C-alpha atoms as a PDB file:
ATOM      1  CA  UNK A   1     203.096  64.305 -54.645  1.00  0.00           C
ATOM      2  CA  UNK A   2     199.491  62.879 -54.506  1.00  0.00           C
ATOM      3  CA  UNK A   3     196.347  65.448 -54.823  1.00  0.00           C
ATOM      4  CA  UNK A   4     192.961  64.565 -53.244  1.00  0.00           C
ATOM      5  CA  UNK A   5     189.744  66.623 -53.471  1.00  0.00           C
ATOM      6  CA  UNK A   6     186.773  65.616 -51.641  1.00  0.00           C
ATOM      7  CA  UNK A   7     183.455  67.011 -52.496  1.00  0.00           C
ATOM      8  CA  UNK A   8     180.452  66.377 -50.177  1.00  0.00           C
ATOM      9  CA  UNK A   9     177.327  66.564 -51.501  1.00  0.00           C
ATOM     10  CA  UNK A  10     173.826  66.398 -49.266  1.00  0.00           C
ATOM     11  CA  UNK A  11     171.446  64.358 -51.705  1.00  0.00           C
ATOM     12  CA  UNK A  12     167.925  63.770 -50.679  1.00  0.00           C
ATOM     13  CA  UNK A  13     167.061  60.062 -51.126  1.00  0.00           C
ATOM     14  CA  UNK A  14     164.240  59.438 -53.180  1.00  0.00           C
ATOM     15  CA  UNK A  15     163.014  55.617 -52.637  1.00  0.00           C
ATOM     16  CA  UNK A  16     161.212  53.837 -55.259  1.00  0.00           C
ATOM     17  CA  UNK A  17     160.788  50.275 -54.178  1.00  0.00           C
ATOM     18  CA  UNK A  18     157.870  50.700 -52.050  1.00  0.00           C
ATOM     19  CA  UNK A  19     156.402  47.636 -54.094  1.00  0.00           C
ATOM     20  CA  UNK A  20     159.021  45.455 -52.474  1.00  0.00           C
ATOM     21  CA  UNK A  21     159.810  46.840 -49.218  1.00  0.00           C
ATOM     22  CA  UNK A  22     158.295  49.887 -47.357  1.00  0.00           C
ATOM     23  CA  UNK A  23     159.290  51.858 -44.338  1.00  0.00           C
ATOM     24  CA  UNK A  24     157.079  50.376 -41.093  1.00  0.00           C
ATOM     25  CA  UNK A  25     154.403  53.055 -39.883  1.00  0.00           C
ATOM     26  CA  UNK A  26     154.905  54.049 -36.393  1.00  0.00           C
ATOM     27  CA  UNK A  27     151.664  52.390 -35.346  1.00  0.00           C
ATOM     28  CA  UNK A  28     153.026  48.894 -36.541  1.00  0.00           C
ATOM     29  CA  UNK A  29     156.188  49.383 -34.748  1.00  0.00           C
ATOM     30  CA  UNK A  30     154.042  50.263 -31.626  1.00  0.00           C
ATOM     31  CA  UNK A  31     152.158  47.709 -31.719  1.00  0.00           C
ATOM     32  CA  UNK A  32     154.779  45.221 -32.499  1.00  0.00           C
ATOM     33  CA  UNK A  33     157.263  46.554 -29.754  1.00  0.00           C
ATOM     34  CA  UNK A  34     155.989  44.586 -26.811  1.00  0.00           C
ATOM     35  CA  UNK A  35     156.774  41.148 -29.243  1.00  0.00           C
ATOM     36  CA  UNK A  36     160.018  42.355 -29.927  1.00  0.00           C
ATOM     37  CA  UNK A  37     160.996  43.393 -26.479  1.00  0.00           C
ATOM     38  CA  UNK A  38     159.138  40.825 -24.095  1.00  0.00           C
ATOM     39  CA  UNK A  39     156.372  38.813 -25.513  1.00  0.00           C
ATOM     40  CA  UNK A  40     159.124  37.096 -28.039  1.00  0.00           C
ATOM     41  CA  UNK A  41     157.975  33.578 -27.325  1.00  0.00           C
ATOM     42  CA  UNK A  42     156.976  30.746 -29.650  1.00  0.00           C
ATOM     43  CA  UNK A  43     153.373  31.042 -29.918  1.00  0.00           C
ATOM     44  CA  UNK A  44     153.096  27.202 -29.944  1.00  0.00           C
ATOM     45  CA  UNK A  45     155.310  27.432 -26.383  1.00  0.00           C
ATOM     46  CA  UNK A  46     153.239  26.699 -23.434  1.00  0.00           C
ATOM     47  CA  UNK A  47     155.333  29.383 -21.338  1.00  0.00           C
ATOM     48  CA  UNK A  48     154.169  32.616 -20.645  1.00  0.00           C
ATOM     49  CA  UNK A  49     156.329  34.403 -23.469  1.00  0.00           C
ATOM     50  CA  UNK A  50     154.774  31.982 -25.831  1.00  0.00           C
ATOM     51  CA  UNK A  51     151.265  32.329 -24.768  1.00  0.00           C
ATOM     52  CA  UNK A  52     151.711  36.204 -24.595  1.00  0.00           C
ATOM     53  CA  UNK A  53     152.789  35.746 -28.558  1.00  0.00           C
ATOM     54  CA  UNK A  54     150.207  33.413 -29.199  1.00  0.00           C
ATOM     55  CA  UNK A  55     147.453  35.934 -27.898  1.00  0.00           C
ATOM     56  CA  UNK A  56     149.098  38.628 -29.927  1.00  0.00           C
ATOM     57  CA  UNK A  57     148.923  36.390 -32.639  1.00  0.00           C
ATOM     58  CA  UNK A  58     145.160  35.540 -32.283  1.00  0.00           C
ATOM     59  CA  UNK A  59     144.429  39.206 -32.045  1.00  0.00           C
ATOM     60  CA  UNK A  60     146.250  40.143 -35.136  1.00  0.00           C
ATOM     61  CA  UNK A  61     144.534  37.183 -37.142  1.00  0.00           C
ATOM     62  CA  UNK A  62     141.041  38.473 -35.823  1.00  0.00           C
ATOM     63  CA  UNK A  63     141.758  42.113 -36.917  1.00  0.00           C
ATOM     64  CA  UNK A  64     142.996  41.075 -40.345  1.00  0.00           C
ATOM     65  CA  UNK A  65     139.991  38.901 -40.851  1.00  0.00           C
ATOM     66  CA  UNK A  66     137.419  41.615 -39.804  1.00  0.00           C
ATOM     67  CA  UNK A  67     139.435  43.790 -42.504  1.00  0.00           C
ATOM     68  CA  UNK A  68     139.304  40.950 -45.234  1.00  0.00           C
ATOM     69  CA  UNK A  69     135.598  39.831 -44.215  1.00  0.00           C
ATOM     70  CA  UNK A  70     136.378  36.340 -43.704  1.00  0.00           C
ATOM     71  CA  UNK A  71     136.964  34.041 -40.709  1.00  0.00           C
ATOM     72  CA  UNK A  72     140.300  34.089 -38.585  1.00  0.00           C
ATOM     73  CA  UNK A  73     141.112  30.707 -39.350  1.00  0.00           C
ATOM     74  CA  UNK A  74     141.105  31.491 -42.905  1.00  0.00           C
ATOM     75  CA  UNK A  75     144.049  34.183 -42.528  1.00  0.00           C
ATOM     76  CA  UNK A  76     147.503  32.621 -43.004  1.00  0.00           C
ATOM     77  CA  UNK A  77     150.571  34.679 -42.473  1.00  0.00           C
ATOM     78  CA  UNK A  78     153.673  34.082 -44.474  1.00  0.00           C
ATOM     79  CA  UNK A  79     157.291  35.725 -44.226  1.00  0.00           C
ATOM     80  CA  UNK A  80     157.128  36.821 -47.789  1.00  0.00           C
ATOM     81  CA  UNK A  81     154.842  37.074 -50.961  1.00  0.00           C
ATOM     82  CA  UNK A  82     157.171  34.744 -52.775  1.00  0.00           C
ATOM     83  CA  UNK A  83     156.591  31.886 -49.951  1.00  0.00           C
ATOM     84  CA  UNK A  84     153.143  32.543 -49.991  1.00  0.00           C
ATOM     85  CA  UNK A  85     152.735  32.162 -53.800  1.00  0.00           C
ATOM     86  CA  UNK A  86     154.759  28.865 -53.721  1.00  0.00           C
ATOM     87  CA  UNK A  87     152.930  27.387 -50.860  1.00  0.00           C
ATOM     88  CA  UNK A  88     149.458  28.293 -52.456  1.00  0.00           C
ATOM     89  CA  UNK A  89     150.377  27.326 -55.947  1.00  0.00           C
ATOM     90  CA  UNK A  90     152.578  24.129 -55.456  1.00  0.00           C
ATOM     91  CA  UNK A  91     150.384  22.959 -52.333  1.00  0.00           C
ATOM     92  CA  UNK A  92     147.220  23.147 -54.527  1.00  0.00           C
ATOM     93  CA  UNK A  93     149.097  21.441 -57.270  1.00  0.00           C
ATOM     94  CA  UNK A  94     149.815  18.502 -55.159  1.00  0.00           C
ATOM     95  CA  UNK A  95     146.357  18.122 -53.835  1.00  0.00           C
ATOM     96  CA  UNK A  96     145.009  18.222 -57.420  1.00  0.00           C
ATOM     97  CA  UNK A  97     147.537  15.483 -58.222  1.00  0.00           C
ATOM     98  CA  UNK A  98     146.853  13.350 -55.395  1.00  0.00           C
ATOM     99  CA  UNK A  99     143.078  13.325 -55.878  1.00  0.00           C
ATOM    100  CA  UNK A 100     143.443  12.699 -59.646  1.00  0.00           C
ATOM    101  CA  UNK A 101     141.727  16.171 -60.765  1.00  0.00           C
ATOM    102  CA  UNK A 102     142.541  18.632 -63.876  1.00  0.00           C
ATOM    103  CA  UNK A 103     146.059  19.732 -64.330  1.00  0.00           C
ATOM    104  CA  UNK A 104     145.095  22.867 -65.965  1.00  0.00           C
ATOM    105  CA  UNK A 105     146.486  26.264 -64.535  1.00  0.00           C
ATOM    106  CA  UNK A 106     145.979  29.971 -65.758  1.00  0.00           C
ATOM    107  CA  UNK A 107     148.083  32.708 -64.897  1.00  0.00           C
ATOM    108  CA  UNK A 108     148.806  35.857 -67.085  1.00  0.00           C
ATOM    109  CA  UNK A 109     151.880  36.816 -68.706  1.00  0.00           C
ATOM    110  CA  UNK A 110     153.124  39.343 -66.390  1.00  0.00           C
ATOM    111  CA  UNK A 111     152.947  37.457 -63.230  1.00  0.00           C
ATOM    112  CA  UNK A 112     155.803  37.961 -60.747  1.00  0.00           C
ATOM    113  CA  UNK A 113     158.890  35.152 -60.775  1.00  0.00           C
ATOM    114  CA  UNK A 114     157.221  33.652 -57.352  1.00  0.00           C
ATOM    115  CA  UNK A 115     154.025  32.749 -59.975  1.00  0.00           C
ATOM    116  CA  UNK A 116     156.245  32.244 -62.887  1.00  0.00           C
ATOM    117  CA  UNK A 117     158.613  30.051 -61.601  1.00  0.00           C
ATOM    118  CA  UNK A 118     155.983  27.428 -60.217  1.00  0.00           C
ATOM    119  CA  UNK A 119     153.818  27.469 -63.334  1.00  0.00           C
ATOM    120  CA  UNK A 120     156.787  26.815 -65.690  1.00  0.00           C
ATOM    121  CA  UNK A 121     157.497  24.035 -63.106  1.00  0.00           C
ATOM    122  CA  UNK A 122     154.433  22.719 -62.980  1.00  0.00           C
ATOM    123  CA  UNK A 123     154.454  22.643 -66.932  1.00  0.00           C
ATOM    124  CA  UNK A 124     157.618  20.755 -67.170  1.00  0.00           C
ATOM    125  CA  UNK A 125     155.688  18.386 -64.858  1.00  0.00           C
ATOM    126  CA  UNK A 126     152.857  17.680 -67.636  1.00  0.00           C
ATOM    127  CA  UNK A 127     150.421  20.388 -66.383  1.00  0.00           C
ATOM    128  CA  UNK A 128     148.994  22.650 -69.112  1.00  0.00           C
ATOM    129  CA  UNK A 129     149.285  26.165 -68.385  1.00  0.00           C
ATOM    130  CA  UNK A 130     147.490  29.091 -69.888  1.00  0.00           C
ATOM    131  CA  UNK A 131     149.047  32.646 -69.955  1.00  0.00           C
ATOM    132  CA  UNK A 132     146.662  35.234 -70.340  1.00  0.00           C
ATOM    133  CA  UNK A 133     147.529  38.507 -72.324  1.00  0.00           C
ATOM    134  CA  UNK A 134     147.004  41.882 -70.495  1.00  0.00           C
ATOM    135  CA  UNK A 135     146.313  45.239 -72.040  1.00  0.00           C
ATOM    136  CA  UNK A 136     148.316  48.299 -71.981  1.00  0.00           C
ATOM    137  CA  UNK A 137     147.103  49.071 -68.087  1.00  0.00           C
ATOM    138  CA  UNK A 138     147.849  45.389 -67.336  1.00  0.00           C
ATOM    139  CA  UNK A 139     144.528  44.119 -66.984  1.00  0.00           C
ATOM    140  CA  UNK A 140     143.310  40.820 -68.206  1.00  0.00           C
ATOM    141  CA  UNK A 141     140.524  40.377 -70.286  1.00  0.00           C
ATOM    142  CA  UNK A 142     137.543  38.855 -68.321  1.00  0.00           C
ATOM    143  CA  UNK A 143     135.861  37.026 -71.349  1.00  0.00           C
ATOM    144  CA  UNK A 144     139.483  36.096 -72.410  1.00  0.00           C
ATOM    145  CA  UNK A 145     139.633  34.175 -68.840  1.00  0.00           C
ATOM    146  CA  UNK A 146     136.166  32.920 -69.055  1.00  0.00           C
ATOM    147  CA  UNK A 147     137.150  31.204 -72.121  1.00  0.00           C
ATOM    148  CA  UNK A 148     140.607  29.932 -70.918  1.00  0.00           C
ATOM    149  CA  UNK A 149     138.644  28.050 -68.113  1.00  0.00           C
ATOM    150  CA  UNK A 150     137.811  24.304 -68.740  1.00  0.00           C
ATOM    151  CA  UNK A 151     136.617  21.385 -66.926  1.00  0.00           C
ATOM    152  CA  UNK A 152     140.588  20.599 -66.187  1.00  0.00           C
ATOM    153  CA  UNK A 153     141.221  24.101 -64.417  1.00  0.00           C
ATOM    154  CA  UNK A 154     142.209  23.695 -61.006  1.00  0.00           C
ATOM    155  CA  UNK A 155     144.230  26.911 -60.617  1.00  0.00           C
ATOM    156  CA  UNK A 156     143.730  30.579 -61.656  1.00  0.00           C
ATOM    157  CA  UNK A 157     146.542  32.824 -60.263  1.00  0.00           C
ATOM    158  CA  UNK A 158     146.279  36.333 -61.373  1.00  0.00           C
ATOM    159  CA  UNK A 159     147.868  39.301 -59.447  1.00  0.00           C
ATOM    160  CA  UNK A 160     145.709  42.176 -57.898  1.00  0.00           C
ATOM    161  CA  UNK A 161     147.992  44.911 -58.710  1.00  0.00           C
ATOM    162  CA  UNK A 162     151.611  45.369 -59.737  1.00  0.00           C
END
């Protein structure tokens, strides 16, 4: 005879991964809904769905630029932080190499893998990489950064917050 016992517990979940993915705010859902339901076109297309999506993208780019106090054409959207970091670091590195500029990158010892990976990749290709230390609060010493900068420094990548 097999005896099974099932216990049901009501457990309150505590979510501690907001730095990776956060619940979408209701205001964001409401703003996105038209583009998920009806204006879902490719913003590069010339049909009505695409033109509506392009207008929404233009509006959102303008709103973000106002928050960041920059021009709309300086705002780029990417699918995630990893992609953005890779494009920024490796894209700049290609430009540096193509123009014969100094191949020195400065970053910190506690960066996200999306920064450490490209940094180590560049290091394996002959770049000089300086890894700044951080204090107990994860903050760099600005004087150490100043000392690390040289005429060959082309890229400085330091996270703002973790």
